[in-house]
Amino acid sequence: MMQQTETIDRPSQLPTEIGSAQGKLVYLTLEMTGGSTVTDLNRTLNMRKISILSVLSSLSSQGLIERSDAEYVLAN
């Protein structure tokens, strides 16, 4: 009997400058989804939008993410 193996995308190593648990969670979510809106993050993570906006601002000021239209994506 041959076993099927499933490929699981694993996130890359987190940048060391992300200190908060919420920051890490948002960063990983953006990495795994390829980009998300604030509303998407609110629904996926069950975080308040004001908290998400604060985290996004912090990640953006560190140059880790950028805004592309309505979505936030990892910076290149």
N, C-alpha and C. Protein backbone atom coordinates (compact mmCIF):
# COMPACT_ATOMS: atom_id res chain seq x y z
N MET A 1 0.84 -1.18 0.00
CA MET A 1 0.00 0.00 0.00
C MET A 1 0.89 1.25 0.00
N MET A 2 0.64 2.14 -0.91
CA MET A 2 1.43 3.34 -1.04
C MET A 2 0.78 4.47 -0.23
N GLN A 3 1.59 5.16 0.58
CA GLN A 3 1.07 6.27 1.37
C GLN A 3 1.13 7.55 0.57
N GLN A 4 0.09 8.35 0.72
CA GLN A 4 0.08 9.65 0.09
C GLN A 4 0.71 10.64 1.05
N THR A 5 1.55 11.48 0.51
CA THR A 5 2.12 12.52 1.34
C THR A 5 1.53 13.85 0.93
N GLU A 6 1.24 14.63 1.90
CA GLU A 6 0.64 15.93 1.66
C GLU A 6 1.69 17.00 1.92
N THR A 7 1.81 17.92 0.98
CA THR A 7 2.75 19.01 1.14
C THR A 7 2.09 20.11 1.96
N ILE A 8 2.77 20.52 2.99
CA ILE A 8 2.27 21.58 3.84
C ILE A 8 3.20 22.77 3.69
N ASP A 9 2.62 23.92 3.32
CA ASP A 9 3.41 25.13 3.25
C ASP A 9 3.74 25.58 4.66
N ARG A 10 4.99 25.74 4.91
CA ARG A 10 5.43 26.19 6.22
C ARG A 10 5.90 27.63 6.10
N PRO A 11 5.56 28.43 7.11
CA PRO A 11 6.00 29.82 7.06
C PRO A 11 7.51 29.91 7.20
N SER A 12 8.06 30.98 6.66
CA SER A 12 9.49 31.21 6.82
C SER A 12 9.76 31.66 8.25
N GLN A 13 11.01 31.82 8.56
CA GLN A 13 11.38 32.27 9.90
C GLN A 13 10.90 33.70 10.10
N LEU A 14 10.35 33.98 11.27
CA LEU A 14 9.85 35.31 11.57
C LEU A 14 10.99 36.30 11.72
N PRO A 15 10.78 37.52 11.22
CA PRO A 15 11.80 38.55 11.46
C PRO A 15 11.97 38.80 12.96
N THR A 16 13.18 38.97 13.40
CA THR A 16 13.46 39.13 14.83
C THR A 16 12.92 40.43 15.40
N GLU A 17 12.68 41.42 14.54
CA GLU A 17 12.19 42.70 15.04
C GLU A 17 10.72 42.68 15.45
N ILE A 18 10.00 41.60 15.16
CA ILE A 18 8.60 41.50 15.60
C ILE A 18 8.59 40.97 17.03
N GLY A 19 8.20 41.83 17.96
CA GLY A 19 8.26 41.45 19.36
C GLY A 19 6.95 40.95 19.95
N SER A 20 5.83 41.45 19.45
CA SER A 20 4.55 41.10 20.06
C SER A 20 3.95 39.85 19.44
N ALA A 21 3.17 39.16 20.24
CA ALA A 21 2.47 37.96 19.75
C ALA A 21 1.48 38.33 18.66
N GLN A 22 0.79 39.46 18.81
CA GLN A 22 -0.16 39.89 17.79
C GLN A 22 0.56 40.23 16.49
N GLY A 23 1.71 40.86 16.59
CA GLY A 23 2.49 41.17 15.41
C GLY A 23 2.91 39.92 14.67
N LYS A 24 3.34 38.92 15.40
CA LYS A 24 3.75 37.65 14.80
C LYS A 24 2.56 36.98 14.12
N LEU A 25 1.41 37.01 14.80
CA LEU A 25 0.21 36.38 14.26
C LEU A 25 -0.23 37.06 12.96
N VAL A 26 -0.25 38.38 12.95
CA VAL A 26 -0.63 39.11 11.74
C VAL A 26 0.37 38.86 10.62
N TYR A 27 1.65 38.91 10.93
CA TYR A 27 2.69 38.69 9.92
C TYR A 27 2.55 37.29 9.30
N LEU A 28 2.39 36.28 10.13
CA LEU A 28 2.24 34.90 9.63
C LEU A 28 0.98 34.75 8.79
N THR A 29 -0.08 35.41 9.20
CA THR A 29 -1.33 35.33 8.44
C THR A 29 -1.14 35.97 7.06
N LEU A 30 -0.49 37.12 7.01
CA LEU A 30 -0.22 37.75 5.72
C LEU A 30 0.66 36.87 4.85
N GLU A 31 1.63 36.23 5.46
CA GLU A 31 2.52 35.34 4.71
C GLU A 31 1.75 34.15 4.14
N MET A 32 0.90 33.55 4.94
CA MET A 32 0.19 32.35 4.52
C MET A 32 -0.92 32.65 3.51
N THR A 33 -1.52 33.83 3.59
CA THR A 33 -2.63 34.18 2.69
C THR A 33 -2.16 34.90 1.44
N GLY A 34 -0.95 35.43 1.48
CA GLY A 34 -0.46 36.20 0.34
C GLY A 34 -0.95 37.64 0.35
N GLY A 35 -1.68 38.02 1.38
CA GLY A 35 -2.20 39.37 1.52
C GLY A 35 -3.61 39.35 2.05
N SER A 36 -3.95 40.32 2.86
CA SER A 36 -5.28 40.38 3.47
C SER A 36 -5.67 41.83 3.72
N THR A 37 -6.97 42.06 3.73
CA THR A 37 -7.49 43.35 4.13
C THR A 37 -7.65 43.37 5.65
N VAL A 38 -7.90 44.54 6.19
CA VAL A 38 -8.14 44.64 7.64
C VAL A 38 -9.36 43.80 8.02
N THR A 39 -10.39 43.84 7.19
CA THR A 39 -11.60 43.05 7.46
C THR A 39 -11.30 41.56 7.43
N ASP A 40 -10.49 41.13 6.47
CA ASP A 40 -10.08 39.71 6.40
C ASP A 40 -9.36 39.31 7.68
N LEU A 41 -8.42 40.14 8.12
CA LEU A 41 -7.66 39.83 9.33
C LEU A 41 -8.58 39.82 10.54
N ASN A 42 -9.53 40.73 10.59
CA ASN A 42 -10.49 40.78 11.69
C ASN A 42 -11.28 39.48 11.77
N ARG A 43 -11.74 39.00 10.65
CA ARG A 43 -12.53 37.76 10.62
C ARG A 43 -11.67 36.53 10.91
N THR A 44 -10.50 36.48 10.31
CA THR A 44 -9.63 35.31 10.45
C THR A 44 -9.06 35.19 11.86
N LEU A 45 -8.61 36.30 12.41
CA LEU A 45 -7.90 36.28 13.69
C LEU A 45 -8.78 36.62 14.90
N ASN A 46 -9.99 37.09 14.62
CA ASN A 46 -10.91 37.49 15.69
C ASN A 46 -10.26 38.55 16.59
N MET A 47 -9.57 39.49 15.93
CA MET A 47 -8.95 40.61 16.64
C MET A 47 -9.75 41.87 16.32
N ARG A 48 -9.74 42.82 17.25
CA ARG A 48 -10.41 44.09 17.00
C ARG A 48 -9.66 44.84 15.90
N LYS A 49 -10.42 45.55 15.07
CA LYS A 49 -9.81 46.27 13.95
C LYS A 49 -8.81 47.32 14.43
N ILE A 50 -9.09 47.97 15.54
CA ILE A 50 -8.16 48.99 16.06
C ILE A 50 -6.82 48.35 16.42
N SER A 51 -6.85 47.14 16.95
CA SER A 51 -5.62 46.42 17.28
C SER A 51 -4.88 46.01 16.01
N ILE A 52 -5.64 45.56 15.02
CA ILE A 52 -5.03 45.16 13.75
C ILE A 52 -4.36 46.36 13.09
N LEU A 53 -5.04 47.50 13.08
CA LEU A 53 -4.47 48.70 12.47
C LEU A 53 -3.19 49.12 13.18
N SER A 54 -3.15 48.98 14.48
CA SER A 54 -1.94 49.32 15.25
C SER A 54 -0.79 48.39 14.87
N VAL A 55 -1.08 47.11 14.78
CA VAL A 55 -0.06 46.13 14.41
C VAL A 55 0.42 46.38 12.99
N LEU A 56 -0.50 46.62 12.07
CA LEU A 56 -0.13 46.89 10.68
C LEU A 56 0.74 48.13 10.58
N SER A 57 0.42 49.15 11.34
CA SER A 57 1.22 50.37 11.35
C SER A 57 2.63 50.09 11.82
N SER A 58 2.76 49.30 12.87
CA SER A 58 4.07 48.95 13.41
C SER A 58 4.88 48.13 12.41
N LEU A 59 4.25 47.12 11.82
CA LEU A 59 4.94 46.27 10.84
C LEU A 59 5.34 47.08 9.61
N SER A 60 4.48 48.00 9.22
CA SER A 60 4.77 48.85 8.07
C SER A 60 5.93 49.79 8.34
N SER A 61 5.96 50.39 9.53
CA SER A 61 7.04 51.32 9.87
C SER A 61 8.39 50.60 9.98
N GLN A 62 8.35 49.29 10.24
CA GLN A 62 9.58 48.49 10.28
C GLN A 62 9.98 47.99 8.90
N GLY A 63 9.16 48.30 7.89
CA GLY A 63 9.46 47.90 6.52
C GLY A 63 9.18 46.44 6.23
N LEU A 64 8.36 45.80 7.07
CA LEU A 64 8.10 44.37 6.91
C LEU A 64 6.89 44.09 6.02
N ILE A 65 5.96 45.03 5.98
CA ILE A 65 4.77 44.87 5.15
C ILE A 65 4.54 46.17 4.39
N GLU A 66 3.69 46.08 3.38
CA GLU A 66 3.30 47.27 2.64
C GLU A 66 1.85 47.13 2.21
N ARG A 67 1.26 48.25 1.88
CA ARG A 67 -0.13 48.24 1.44
C ARG A 67 -0.18 48.19 -0.07
N SER A 68 -0.99 47.29 -0.58
CA SER A 68 -1.20 47.15 -2.02
C SER A 68 -2.70 47.23 -2.26
N ASP A 69 -3.16 48.38 -2.73
CA ASP A 69 -4.59 48.67 -2.84
C ASP A 69 -5.22 48.53 -1.45
N ALA A 70 -6.21 47.66 -1.28
CA ALA A 70 -6.87 47.51 0.01
C ALA A 70 -6.22 46.45 0.88
N GLU A 71 -5.27 45.71 0.31
CA GLU A 71 -4.64 44.61 1.04
C GLU A 71 -3.28 45.01 1.60
N TYR A 72 -2.91 44.32 2.64
CA TYR A 72 -1.57 44.42 3.20
C TYR A 72 -0.84 43.15 2.81
N VAL A 73 0.39 43.30 2.36
CA VAL A 73 1.21 42.16 1.91
C VAL A 73 2.60 42.29 2.50
N LEU A 74 3.35 41.21 2.49
CA LEU A 74 4.73 41.27 2.96
C LEU A 74 5.55 42.12 2.00
N ALA A 75 6.46 42.89 2.56
CA ALA A 75 7.32 43.72 1.73
C ALA A 75 8.32 42.83 0.99
N ASN A 76 8.67 43.27 -0.19
CA ASN A 76 9.64 42.50 -0.99
C ASN A 76 11.05 42.76 -0.57
